[in-house]
Amino acid sequence: MSQQQQIDVSVPSSARVYDYLLGGKDNFEADRKLAAQLTERLPTLPIMFRAQRDLLGRIVSQLAREHGVRQFLDIGTGIPTSPNVHEIAQAIDPAAKVAYVDNDPIVLAHARALMRGSAEGRTSFLAADLRAPEELLQHPGLAATLDITKPIAVLLIGIVHNIRDDERPYDSVRRIVEWLPAGSYVAISTPSADFDPDKMNALAQMSVRSGMPVFPRSKAQLAEFFDGLELLPPGIVTLLGWHPDSEPDDVDAVHGWVGVARKR
């Protein structure tokens, strides 16, 4: 089956909706229609998506600069949007290694063409799914990219809310944490109904009906992902509250939590 045959453009994709709301061009009419409907339910959604993207950059930069991390596993990476993880990490250390993971075929097509790292480092893209952690961890491209004897930062930014509880997201994250060597890091974010339950729940219900599930999680539910790990300061905070570069604008527009933790 060809890559193009695998892509059903009549069904919205979370990666392509995300791309559209960030101002990208790698999306289709079904994605744009759903994005418009979701934005009607939550007008600040584009601001939230941009905040999430900026957050990813801050996390990678701080882990690389302040904690010496040189290996990153970005799960649910989405369509390439510069600056990507490898661009940030390899600007700090050209020898940094990054493995990207996604299960969307259109992401695969773009990533392999655009995500080319430095000559000194290593960058790869794995077609895998967080809901199947054993398959992900056994992917030959993972061992070819990352050195499991050295610390790795796992990035789960904007992905766990796409997984239903009956798909066991906590078990999937726990399995990946078990695989990590000591001294590794895990970063997780989620949209949440803690801020405006009516609007967020309306958005989630529309998403589910449209075939692009969104399951917002509370601050307490996000904390469960970090059981047994050591949260870095400032703990679990809003997306804008995690080591902001400046005094954040639109504080009331961004409905989500994030935490970064270390495996002892």
Protein backbone atom coordinates (compact mmCIF):
# COMPACT_ATOMS: atom_id res chain seq x y z
CA MET A 1 0.00 0.00 0.00
CA SER A 2 1.39 3.41 -0.92
CA GLN A 3 1.79 6.23 1.56
CA GLN A 4 -0.89 8.25 -0.21
CA GLN A 5 -3.37 5.34 -0.10
CA GLN A 6 -2.95 5.16 3.64
CA ILE A 7 -4.06 8.76 4.15
CA ASP A 8 -7.85 9.26 4.33
CA VAL A 9 -8.24 12.99 3.80
CA SER A 10 -11.97 12.84 4.56
CA VAL A 11 -11.30 12.01 8.21
CA PRO A 12 -9.77 14.70 10.44
CA SER A 13 -6.42 13.95 12.03
CA SER A 14 -5.22 15.41 15.33
CA ALA A 15 -1.79 16.10 13.79
CA ARG A 16 -3.31 17.96 10.84
CA VAL A 17 -5.80 19.92 12.97
CA TYR A 18 -2.86 20.92 15.16
CA ASP A 19 -0.91 21.91 12.06
CA TYR A 20 -3.78 24.09 10.82
CA LEU A 21 -4.27 25.87 14.13
CA LEU A 22 -0.53 26.64 14.20
CA GLY A 23 -0.82 28.24 10.76
CA GLY A 24 0.58 25.30 8.79
CA LYS A 25 -0.37 24.16 5.30
CA ASP A 26 -0.25 20.38 5.66
CA ASN A 27 -3.96 19.85 6.30
CA PHE A 28 -7.18 19.12 4.43
CA GLU A 29 -10.75 20.36 4.35
CA ALA A 30 -11.93 17.88 6.99
CA ASP A 31 -9.18 19.08 9.34
CA ARG A 32 -9.97 22.75 8.76
CA LYS A 33 -13.70 22.17 9.24
CA LEU A 34 -13.18 20.41 12.56
CA ALA A 35 -10.68 23.05 13.68
CA ALA A 36 -13.29 25.75 13.01
CA GLN A 37 -15.95 23.82 14.94
CA LEU A 38 -13.64 23.25 17.89
CA THR A 39 -12.62 26.90 17.94
CA GLU A 40 -16.31 27.85 18.11
CA ARG A 41 -16.53 25.81 21.32
CA LEU A 42 -13.24 27.16 22.70
CA PRO A 43 -12.17 30.39 20.94
CA THR A 44 -8.77 30.40 22.64
CA LEU A 45 -7.82 27.02 21.15
CA PRO A 46 -5.22 28.45 18.70
CA ILE A 47 -3.57 30.27 21.62
CA MET A 48 -3.48 27.01 23.57
CA PHE A 49 -1.86 25.14 20.70
CA ARG A 50 0.79 27.81 20.28
CA ALA A 51 1.43 27.78 24.03
CA GLN A 52 1.89 24.02 23.90
CA ARG A 53 4.38 24.33 21.04
CA ASP A 54 6.34 27.03 22.83
CA LEU A 55 6.31 24.89 25.98
CA LEU A 56 7.94 22.02 24.09
CA GLY A 57 10.76 24.31 23.04
CA ARG A 58 11.33 25.51 26.60
CA ILE A 59 11.40 21.97 27.96
CA VAL A 60 13.92 20.75 25.39
CA SER A 61 16.11 23.80 25.86
CA GLN A 62 16.13 23.56 29.65
CA LEU A 63 16.74 19.81 29.75
CA ALA A 64 19.63 20.20 27.33
CA ARG A 65 21.17 23.31 28.91
CA GLU A 66 20.50 22.81 32.60
CA HIS A 67 20.39 19.03 32.93
CA GLY A 68 22.79 17.91 30.21
CA VAL A 69 20.29 15.76 28.31
CA ARG A 70 21.56 14.75 24.87
CA GLN A 71 18.92 12.20 23.88
CA PHE A 72 15.23 12.83 23.28
CA LEU A 73 12.29 10.55 22.47
CA ASP A 74 9.42 12.69 21.18
CA ILE A 75 6.21 10.63 21.09
CA GLY A 76 3.26 12.07 19.19
CA THR A 77 5.47 14.54 17.40
CA GLY A 78 2.95 15.73 14.81
CA ILE A 79 3.70 17.39 11.49
CA PRO A 80 7.13 19.09 11.56
CA THR A 81 6.89 22.68 12.81
CA SER A 82 10.13 24.61 13.18
CA PRO A 83 11.85 24.81 15.53
CA ASN A 84 11.64 21.05 16.00
CA VAL A 85 13.15 19.14 18.90
CA HIS A 86 16.32 18.22 17.04
CA GLU A 87 16.85 21.82 15.89
CA ILE A 88 16.71 23.06 19.47
CA ALA A 89 18.77 20.24 20.98
CA GLN A 90 21.41 20.19 18.24
CA ALA A 91 21.81 23.96 18.38
CA ILE A 92 22.96 23.39 21.98
CA ASP A 93 24.99 20.27 21.18
CA PRO A 94 25.32 19.12 17.55
CA ALA A 95 25.83 15.55 18.80
CA ALA A 96 22.34 15.38 20.38
CA LYS A 97 20.14 12.48 19.27
CA VAL A 98 16.39 12.62 18.68
CA ALA A 99 13.90 9.86 17.86
CA TYR A 100 10.47 11.03 16.75
CA VAL A 101 7.39 8.79 17.04
CA ASP A 102 3.96 9.15 15.45
CA ASN A 103 1.30 6.88 13.96
CA ASP A 104 -0.10 9.29 11.34
CA PRO A 105 1.09 8.43 7.79
CA ILE A 106 1.09 12.05 6.68
CA VAL A 107 3.38 12.89 9.59
CA LEU A 108 5.66 10.07 8.47
CA ALA A 109 5.80 11.43 4.93
CA HIS A 110 6.74 14.94 6.04
CA ALA A 111 9.04 13.96 8.87
CA ARG A 112 11.33 11.77 6.81
CA ALA A 113 11.73 14.57 4.29
CA LEU A 114 12.18 17.47 6.70
CA MET A 115 13.58 16.20 9.98
CA ARG A 116 17.23 15.97 9.07
CA GLY A 117 19.61 16.50 11.92
CA SER A 118 23.22 17.57 12.19
CA ALA A 119 26.08 15.49 10.85
CA GLU A 120 27.38 14.90 14.39
CA GLY A 121 24.03 13.91 15.89
CA ARG A 122 21.34 11.51 14.87
CA THR A 123 17.67 12.00 14.02
CA SER A 124 15.13 9.33 13.13
CA PHE A 125 11.39 8.92 12.73
CA LEU A 126 9.56 5.81 13.95
CA ALA A 127 6.08 4.82 12.83
CA ALA A 128 4.73 3.60 16.18
CA ASP A 129 1.97 4.23 18.71
CA LEU A 130 2.06 5.08 22.41
CA ARG A 131 -0.86 2.70 22.88
CA ALA A 132 1.44 -0.18 21.85
CA PRO A 133 4.51 0.50 24.00
CA GLU A 134 6.15 -2.89 23.48
CA GLU A 135 6.11 -2.46 19.70
CA LEU A 136 7.48 1.05 20.10
CA LEU A 137 10.31 -0.04 22.40
CA GLN A 138 11.22 -2.96 20.13
CA HIS A 139 11.32 -0.82 16.98
CA PRO A 140 14.79 -1.31 15.44
CA GLY A 141 15.04 2.40 14.72
CA LEU A 142 14.89 3.20 18.42
CA ALA A 143 17.99 1.20 19.34
CA ALA A 144 19.72 2.56 16.25
CA THR A 145 19.15 6.14 17.40
CA LEU A 146 19.26 6.24 21.19
CA ASP A 147 21.74 4.74 23.65
CA ILE A 148 19.71 3.08 26.41
CA THR A 149 22.71 3.18 28.77
CA LYS A 150 22.55 6.99 28.92
CA PRO A 151 19.76 9.34 30.07
CA ILE A 152 16.88 9.99 27.69
CA ALA A 153 14.15 12.62 27.88
CA VAL A 154 10.73 11.31 26.85
CA LEU A 155 8.45 14.06 25.54
CA LEU A 156 4.70 13.41 25.77
CA ILE A 157 3.51 16.90 24.94
CA GLY A 158 -0.07 17.02 23.72
CA ILE A 159 -0.53 13.26 23.27
CA VAL A 160 -1.93 11.54 26.40
CA HIS A 161 -5.27 13.33 26.05
CA ASN A 162 -5.84 11.51 22.73
CA ILE A 163 -5.87 8.15 24.52
CA ARG A 164 -8.98 6.78 26.20
CA ASP A 165 -8.77 5.41 29.73
CA ASP A 166 -9.68 1.93 28.46
CA GLU A 167 -6.63 2.10 26.19
CA ARG A 168 -4.55 2.21 29.39
CA PRO A 169 -2.41 5.33 28.91
CA TYR A 170 -1.01 5.03 32.45
CA ASP A 171 0.23 1.53 31.74
CA SER A 172 1.83 2.66 28.48
CA VAL A 173 3.69 5.51 30.15
CA ARG A 174 4.70 3.25 33.05
CA ARG A 175 6.18 0.72 30.62
CA ILE A 176 8.24 3.40 28.92
CA VAL A 177 9.45 4.70 32.28
CA GLU A 178 10.52 1.16 33.22
CA TRP A 179 12.58 0.99 30.02
CA LEU A 180 14.37 4.25 30.72
CA PRO A 181 17.76 4.29 32.44
CA ALA A 182 18.18 6.11 35.74
CA GLY A 183 18.72 9.83 35.33
CA SER A 184 16.20 10.08 32.49
CA TYR A 185 13.33 12.56 32.29
CA VAL A 186 9.63 12.45 31.38
CA ALA A 187 7.64 15.52 30.29
CA ILE A 188 3.84 15.27 29.98
CA SER A 189 1.16 17.85 29.24
CA THR A 190 -2.61 17.66 28.93
CA PRO A 191 -5.51 20.02 28.27
CA SER A 192 -7.81 20.13 31.27
CA ALA A 193 -11.40 20.91 32.20
CA ASP A 194 -10.17 22.24 35.56
CA PHE A 195 -10.24 25.80 34.19
CA ASP A 196 -13.56 26.02 32.31
CA PRO A 197 -15.43 22.69 32.53
CA ASP A 198 -18.32 23.69 30.25
CA LYS A 199 -16.20 24.85 27.33
CA MET A 200 -13.59 22.11 27.56
CA ASN A 201 -16.16 19.34 27.94
CA ALA A 202 -18.12 20.69 24.94
CA LEU A 203 -14.90 20.66 22.90
CA ALA A 204 -14.11 17.11 24.02
CA GLN A 205 -17.58 15.83 23.14
CA MET A 206 -17.38 17.34 19.65
CA SER A 207 -13.94 15.87 19.13
CA VAL A 208 -15.11 12.39 20.07
CA ARG A 209 -18.10 12.65 17.71
CA SER A 210 -15.76 13.74 14.92
CA GLY A 211 -13.51 10.73 15.32
CA MET A 212 -10.62 12.67 16.87
CA PRO A 213 -10.91 11.79 20.56
CA VAL A 214 -9.91 14.34 23.19
CA PHE A 215 -10.02 13.35 26.85
CA PRO A 216 -8.96 16.29 29.03
CA ARG A 217 -7.42 15.28 32.33
CA SER A 218 -7.32 17.03 35.68
CA LYS A 219 -4.21 18.11 37.52
CA ALA A 220 -4.60 15.12 39.84
CA GLN A 221 -4.96 12.75 36.89
CA LEU A 222 -1.82 14.14 35.29
CA ALA A 223 0.04 13.66 38.56
CA GLU A 224 -0.69 9.90 38.39
CA PHE A 225 1.58 9.63 35.34
CA PHE A 226 4.50 10.73 37.51
CA ASP A 227 4.09 8.14 40.27
CA GLY A 228 7.55 7.05 41.42
CA LEU A 229 9.30 9.92 39.65
CA GLU A 230 10.83 13.09 41.07
CA LEU A 231 9.04 16.18 39.76
CA LEU A 232 11.30 19.05 38.80
CA PRO A 233 10.44 22.54 40.07
CA PRO A 234 7.95 24.12 39.78
CA GLY A 235 6.01 20.84 39.82
CA ILE A 236 2.75 20.46 37.91
CA VAL A 237 1.76 23.89 36.65
CA THR A 238 -0.12 25.53 33.80
CA LEU A 239 1.43 25.39 30.33
CA LEU A 240 2.36 29.05 30.59
CA GLY A 241 3.69 28.64 34.12
CA TRP A 242 6.51 26.21 33.35
CA HIS A 243 9.68 28.34 33.30
CA PRO A 244 8.25 31.11 31.09
CA ASP A 245 10.73 33.17 29.08
CA SER A 246 8.79 36.30 30.04
CA GLU A 247 5.62 37.32 31.85
CA PRO A 248 2.99 35.32 29.94
CA ASP A 249 0.06 36.92 28.16
CA ASP A 250 -3.36 35.32 27.84
CA VAL A 251 -3.04 33.41 31.12
CA ASP A 252 -6.78 32.75 31.24
CA ALA A 253 -6.80 31.47 27.64
CA VAL A 254 -4.61 28.40 28.15
CA HIS A 255 -6.36 25.47 29.83
CA GLY A 256 -3.77 22.81 30.48
CA TRP A 257 -1.23 21.31 32.88
CA VAL A 258 2.35 20.15 32.47
CA GLY A 259 4.99 18.44 34.57
CA VAL A 260 8.57 17.31 34.02
CA ALA A 261 10.05 14.60 36.23
CA ARG A 262 13.29 12.68 36.69
CA LYS A 263 13.73 8.94 37.11
CA ARG A 264 16.03 8.32 40.05
